[in-house]
N, C-alpha and C. Protein backbone atom coordinates (compact mmCIF):
# COMPACT_ATOMS: atom_id res chain seq x y z
N MET A 1 40.70 -7.45 -47.19
CA MET A 1 41.08 -7.30 -45.82
C MET A 1 43.03 -6.96 -46.57
N ARG A 2 43.86 -6.41 -45.25
CA ARG A 2 44.79 -6.03 -45.69
C ARG A 2 45.28 -7.23 -44.30
N VAL A 3 46.36 -7.40 -45.09
CA VAL A 3 47.23 -8.90 -43.54
C VAL A 3 48.26 -7.68 -43.31
N ILE A 4 48.75 -7.64 -42.05
CA ILE A 4 50.09 -6.75 -41.07
C ILE A 4 50.69 -7.93 -40.79
N ALA A 5 51.54 -7.98 -41.16
CA ALA A 5 52.70 -8.66 -40.40
C ALA A 5 52.99 -9.58 -41.94
N ILE A 6 53.17 -9.54 -43.29
CA ILE A 6 53.63 -10.78 -43.78
C ILE A 6 55.02 -11.16 -43.74
N SER A 7 55.95 -10.15 -43.11
CA SER A 7 57.50 -10.46 -42.53
C SER A 7 57.51 -11.95 -42.25
N THR A 8 56.34 -11.00 -40.87
CA THR A 8 55.95 -12.81 -39.90
C THR A 8 55.79 -14.25 -40.56
N LEU A 9 55.01 -13.92 -41.24
CA LEU A 9 54.51 -14.96 -42.19
C LEU A 9 55.65 -15.79 -42.81
N ARG A 10 56.75 -14.98 -43.78
CA ARG A 10 57.80 -15.47 -44.64
C ARG A 10 58.88 -15.92 -43.76
N GLN A 11 58.85 -15.44 -42.68
CA GLN A 11 60.23 -15.48 -41.71
C GLN A 11 59.89 -17.49 -41.24
N PHE A 12 58.36 -17.46 -41.23
CA PHE A 12 57.97 -18.77 -40.67
C PHE A 12 58.72 -19.69 -41.84
N TRP A 13 57.98 -19.63 -43.05
CA TRP A 13 57.89 -20.04 -43.92
C TRP A 13 59.56 -20.97 -44.51
N GLU A 14 60.45 -19.54 -44.73
CA GLU A 14 61.68 -20.24 -44.79
C GLU A 14 62.23 -21.15 -43.76
N LYS A 15 61.71 -21.30 -42.53
CA LYS A 15 62.19 -21.93 -41.54
C LYS A 15 61.46 -23.38 -41.74
N HIS A 16 60.38 -23.49 -42.19
CA HIS A 16 59.15 -23.84 -42.46
C HIS A 16 59.17 -24.58 -44.23
N PRO A 17 59.92 -24.62 -45.13
CA PRO A 17 58.98 -24.68 -46.80
C PRO A 17 58.30 -24.53 -47.21
N ASP A 18 57.35 -26.29 -46.64
CA ASP A 18 56.70 -26.88 -46.84
C ASP A 18 54.68 -26.07 -46.81
N ALA A 19 54.89 -24.99 -45.30
CA ALA A 19 54.46 -24.33 -45.09
C ALA A 19 53.57 -22.99 -46.27
N GLU A 20 55.05 -22.84 -46.82
CA GLU A 20 55.08 -20.82 -48.13
C GLU A 20 54.03 -21.32 -48.77
N GLN A 21 53.48 -22.17 -49.58
CA GLN A 21 52.82 -22.72 -50.09
C GLN A 21 51.38 -22.37 -49.86
N PRO A 22 51.19 -22.63 -48.88
CA PRO A 22 49.33 -22.97 -48.24
C PRO A 22 49.40 -21.42 -47.31
N ILE A 23 50.28 -21.10 -46.56
CA ILE A 23 50.31 -19.41 -45.98
C ILE A 23 50.35 -18.46 -47.44
N LYS A 24 50.90 -19.04 -48.26
CA LYS A 24 50.51 -18.21 -49.44
C LYS A 24 49.09 -18.30 -50.12
N VAL A 25 48.64 -19.18 -50.38
CA VAL A 25 47.06 -19.13 -50.43
C VAL A 25 46.43 -18.37 -49.67
N TRP A 26 46.73 -18.28 -48.00
CA TRP A 26 45.93 -17.62 -46.95
C TRP A 26 45.35 -16.36 -47.37
N VAL A 27 47.05 -15.77 -47.48
CA VAL A 27 47.63 -14.83 -47.64
C VAL A 27 46.40 -13.52 -48.85
N ASP A 28 46.35 -14.67 -50.09
CA ASP A 28 45.70 -13.82 -51.07
C ASP A 28 43.96 -14.03 -50.68
N GLU A 29 43.43 -15.41 -50.30
CA GLU A 29 42.25 -14.75 -49.92
C GLU A 29 42.31 -14.74 -49.17
N ALA A 30 42.84 -14.06 -47.76
CA ALA A 30 42.62 -13.06 -46.78
C ALA A 30 42.57 -11.55 -47.45
N ASN A 31 43.26 -11.48 -48.90
CA ASN A 31 43.51 -9.25 -48.74
C ASN A 31 41.88 -10.05 -49.74
N GLN A 32 42.39 -11.03 -50.58
CA GLN A 32 40.33 -10.81 -51.44
C GLN A 32 39.59 -10.54 -50.71
N ALA A 33 39.56 -10.84 -49.22
CA ALA A 33 38.15 -11.09 -48.42
C ALA A 33 37.57 -10.15 -48.60
N HIS A 34 36.32 -9.66 -48.00
CA HIS A 34 35.30 -8.50 -47.33
C HIS A 34 34.58 -9.41 -46.31
N TRP A 35 35.17 -9.54 -45.43
CA TRP A 35 34.46 -9.78 -43.74
C TRP A 35 34.67 -8.95 -42.56
N ASN A 36 33.06 -8.61 -42.49
CA ASN A 36 32.41 -7.57 -42.00
C ASN A 36 31.83 -7.89 -40.81
N LYS A 37 32.25 -9.30 -39.79
CA LYS A 37 31.79 -10.45 -38.70
C LYS A 37 32.34 -11.50 -38.64
N PRO A 38 32.98 -12.11 -37.70
CA PRO A 38 33.15 -13.75 -37.79
C PRO A 38 32.43 -14.78 -38.49
N SER A 39 31.15 -14.12 -38.54
CA SER A 39 30.20 -15.06 -38.98
C SER A 39 30.79 -15.40 -40.77
N ASP A 40 31.64 -14.21 -41.09
CA ASP A 40 31.68 -14.49 -42.55
C ASP A 40 32.77 -15.13 -42.88
N VAL A 41 34.25 -14.94 -41.74
CA VAL A 41 34.85 -16.40 -41.35
C VAL A 41 34.61 -17.23 -41.52
N LYS A 42 33.91 -17.82 -40.60
CA LYS A 42 33.59 -18.79 -41.00
C LYS A 42 32.81 -19.64 -42.04
N ALA A 43 31.88 -18.71 -42.33
CA ALA A 43 31.41 -18.90 -44.23
C ALA A 43 32.16 -19.59 -44.80
N GLN A 44 33.92 -18.84 -45.06
CA GLN A 44 34.77 -19.13 -46.00
C GLN A 44 35.53 -19.70 -45.57
N TYR A 45 35.80 -20.02 -43.96
CA TYR A 45 36.70 -21.25 -43.85
C TYR A 45 36.38 -22.32 -42.64
N HIS A 46 35.87 -23.03 -42.47
CA HIS A 46 34.48 -23.58 -41.62
C HIS A 46 35.14 -24.11 -40.61
N SER A 47 36.79 -24.74 -40.88
CA SER A 47 37.37 -24.97 -39.85
C SER A 47 37.88 -24.45 -39.10
N ALA A 48 37.48 -23.10 -39.02
CA ALA A 48 38.55 -21.65 -38.36
C ALA A 48 37.69 -21.66 -37.08
N SER A 49 38.62 -21.56 -35.99
CA SER A 49 38.05 -21.52 -34.85
C SER A 49 38.14 -19.99 -34.25
N VAL A 50 36.85 -19.23 -33.99
CA VAL A 50 36.18 -17.48 -33.63
C VAL A 50 37.19 -17.79 -32.17
N LEU A 51 37.56 -16.92 -31.41
CA LEU A 51 37.72 -17.00 -30.17
C LEU A 51 37.72 -15.16 -30.09
N LYS A 52 36.96 -15.35 -28.66
CA LYS A 52 37.14 -12.95 -27.96
C LYS A 52 38.48 -13.18 -28.84
N ASN A 53 38.46 -11.44 -27.96
CA ASN A 53 39.48 -10.30 -28.75
C ASN A 53 39.29 -10.46 -30.14
N ARG A 54 38.43 -10.34 -30.95
CA ARG A 54 38.35 -10.26 -32.38
C ARG A 54 39.09 -11.58 -33.21
N ARG A 55 39.71 -12.64 -32.47
CA ARG A 55 40.21 -13.57 -32.94
C ARG A 55 39.76 -14.51 -33.98
N VAL A 56 40.63 -15.35 -34.56
CA VAL A 56 40.49 -16.35 -35.82
C VAL A 56 42.11 -17.35 -35.06
N VAL A 57 41.34 -18.43 -35.29
CA VAL A 57 42.46 -19.59 -35.26
C VAL A 57 42.41 -20.04 -36.49
N PHE A 58 43.83 -20.39 -37.71
CA PHE A 58 43.64 -20.82 -38.25
C PHE A 58 44.37 -22.32 -38.91
N ASN A 59 43.63 -23.64 -39.18
CA ASN A 59 44.58 -24.35 -39.74
C ASN A 59 45.24 -24.43 -40.94
N ILE A 60 46.71 -24.82 -40.96
CA ILE A 60 47.15 -24.62 -42.16
C ILE A 60 47.74 -25.24 -42.55
N LYS A 61 47.86 -25.94 -43.92
CA LYS A 61 48.44 -27.16 -44.34
C LYS A 61 48.18 -28.16 -44.10
N GLY A 62 46.99 -28.08 -44.18
CA GLY A 62 46.13 -29.65 -43.40
C GLY A 62 46.10 -30.23 -41.84
N ASN A 63 46.65 -29.01 -41.14
CA ASN A 63 46.51 -28.91 -39.59
C ASN A 63 47.61 -29.25 -39.41
N ASP A 64 48.55 -28.33 -39.97
CA ASP A 64 50.49 -29.14 -39.55
C ASP A 64 50.76 -27.86 -38.55
N TYR A 65 49.90 -26.57 -39.01
CA TYR A 65 50.65 -25.52 -38.30
C TYR A 65 49.06 -25.42 -37.81
N ARG A 66 49.68 -23.71 -37.16
CA ARG A 66 48.22 -22.75 -36.90
C ARG A 66 48.56 -21.59 -36.81
N LEU A 67 47.84 -20.64 -37.67
CA LEU A 67 47.76 -19.06 -37.97
C LEU A 67 46.63 -18.56 -36.73
N ILE A 68 46.91 -17.54 -36.09
CA ILE A 68 46.64 -17.12 -35.36
C ILE A 68 46.47 -15.05 -35.38
N ILE A 69 45.16 -14.89 -36.18
CA ILE A 69 45.14 -13.14 -36.46
C ILE A 69 44.35 -12.87 -35.88
N ALA A 70 43.91 -11.64 -35.67
CA ALA A 70 42.90 -10.35 -34.95
C ALA A 70 42.50 -9.29 -36.06
N ILE A 71 41.31 -9.36 -36.12
CA ILE A 71 40.65 -8.63 -37.20
C ILE A 71 39.81 -7.06 -37.24
N THR A 72 40.80 -5.96 -37.16
CA THR A 72 39.50 -4.40 -37.10
C THR A 72 38.19 -4.46 -38.15
N TYR A 73 37.21 -5.41 -37.87
CA TYR A 73 36.65 -5.76 -38.83
C TYR A 73 36.29 -3.98 -39.84
N ARG A 74 36.51 -2.98 -39.04
CA ARG A 74 35.84 -1.60 -39.26
C ARG A 74 36.60 -1.02 -40.38
N LEU A 75 38.39 -1.70 -40.32
CA LEU A 75 38.89 -0.86 -40.95
C LEU A 75 39.69 -2.31 -41.77
N SER A 76 39.12 -3.05 -41.89
CA SER A 76 39.70 -4.26 -42.32
C SER A 76 41.04 -4.88 -42.70
N ILE A 77 41.69 -4.68 -41.06
CA ILE A 77 42.84 -4.76 -40.92
C ILE A 77 43.06 -6.61 -40.91
N VAL A 78 43.69 -6.92 -41.23
CA VAL A 78 43.95 -8.96 -39.82
C VAL A 78 45.25 -8.61 -39.56
N TYR A 79 46.01 -8.48 -38.49
CA TYR A 79 47.04 -8.84 -38.46
C TYR A 79 47.33 -10.09 -37.85
N VAL A 80 48.63 -10.57 -37.99
CA VAL A 80 49.40 -12.07 -37.56
C VAL A 80 49.49 -11.55 -35.80
N LYS A 81 48.98 -12.87 -35.18
CA LYS A 81 49.45 -12.93 -33.86
C LYS A 81 50.49 -13.76 -33.83
N PHE A 82 49.70 -14.50 -34.69
CA PHE A 82 50.77 -16.30 -34.07
C PHE A 82 50.64 -17.12 -34.94
N ILE A 83 52.26 -17.86 -35.30
CA ILE A 83 52.64 -18.74 -36.50
C ILE A 83 52.91 -19.24 -35.57
N GLY A 84 52.52 -20.94 -35.64
CA GLY A 84 53.58 -21.90 -35.61
C GLY A 84 52.97 -23.13 -35.75
N THR A 85 54.03 -23.84 -34.93
CA THR A 85 53.48 -25.74 -34.99
C THR A 85 52.55 -26.34 -34.03
N HIS A 86 52.04 -26.99 -33.95
CA HIS A 86 50.82 -27.56 -33.03
C HIS A 86 51.48 -27.65 -31.31
N ALA A 87 52.51 -28.41 -31.33
CA ALA A 87 53.74 -28.27 -30.17
C ALA A 87 53.63 -26.61 -29.68
N GLU A 88 54.14 -26.01 -30.81
CA GLU A 88 54.00 -24.57 -29.97
C GLU A 88 52.97 -24.09 -29.55
N TYR A 89 51.41 -23.42 -31.06
CA TYR A 89 50.43 -23.82 -30.84
C TYR A 89 49.92 -24.12 -29.24
N ASP A 90 50.25 -25.54 -28.83
CA ASP A 90 49.69 -25.37 -26.91
C ASP A 90 50.62 -25.69 -26.11
N LYS A 91 51.54 -24.86 -26.44
CA LYS A 91 51.91 -23.79 -25.03
C LYS A 91 52.24 -21.98 -25.14
N ILE A 92 51.28 -22.11 -26.12
CA ILE A 92 50.54 -20.23 -25.92
C ILE A 92 48.39 -20.73 -25.37
N ASP A 93 48.61 -19.52 -25.08
CA ASP A 93 47.15 -18.23 -25.05
C ASP A 93 46.75 -17.80 -25.90
N ALA A 94 45.86 -18.81 -26.91
CA ALA A 94 45.62 -18.17 -28.23
C ALA A 94 44.58 -16.62 -28.40
N GLU A 95 44.14 -16.62 -27.31
CA GLU A 95 43.54 -15.33 -26.56
C GLU A 95 44.58 -13.73 -27.03
N THR A 96 45.22 -14.12 -25.75
CA THR A 96 46.56 -13.40 -25.88
C THR A 96 48.21 -13.20 -25.90
N VAL A 97 48.16 -14.48 -27.21
CA VAL A 97 49.47 -14.64 -27.32
C VAL A 97 49.82 -13.01 -28.41
N GLY A 98 50.83 -12.70 -28.97
CA GLY A 98 51.62 -11.27 -29.54
C GLY A 98 52.75 -12.06 -30.34
N MET A 99 53.17 -10.94 -31.22
CA MET A 99 53.90 -11.05 -31.59
C MET A 99 55.15 -10.68 -31.30
N GLU A 100 56.59 -11.32 -30.95
CA GLU A 100 57.56 -11.06 -30.00
C GLU A 100 58.00 -9.99 -30.59
């Protein structure tokens, strides 16, 4: 997979340094992944939540942070839609949120 918007993730970990390594690990794993359907994501990340609109929610750093992505399986592209704390996540609609 190719992860789009690594700069967004970088900006986040600059504000939350404790998230840097867990995010980098997730990016490396996503870049090496070959997800063809939602069940492929769930097989790799059992705690991930598959939503509508090709979206998936990941728990980052032991569930301290939430990452929402949209996946275009046909093109093997992962788009970062949201990264934030639980409090920030609770204020958004995971199925429609997009990066500003």
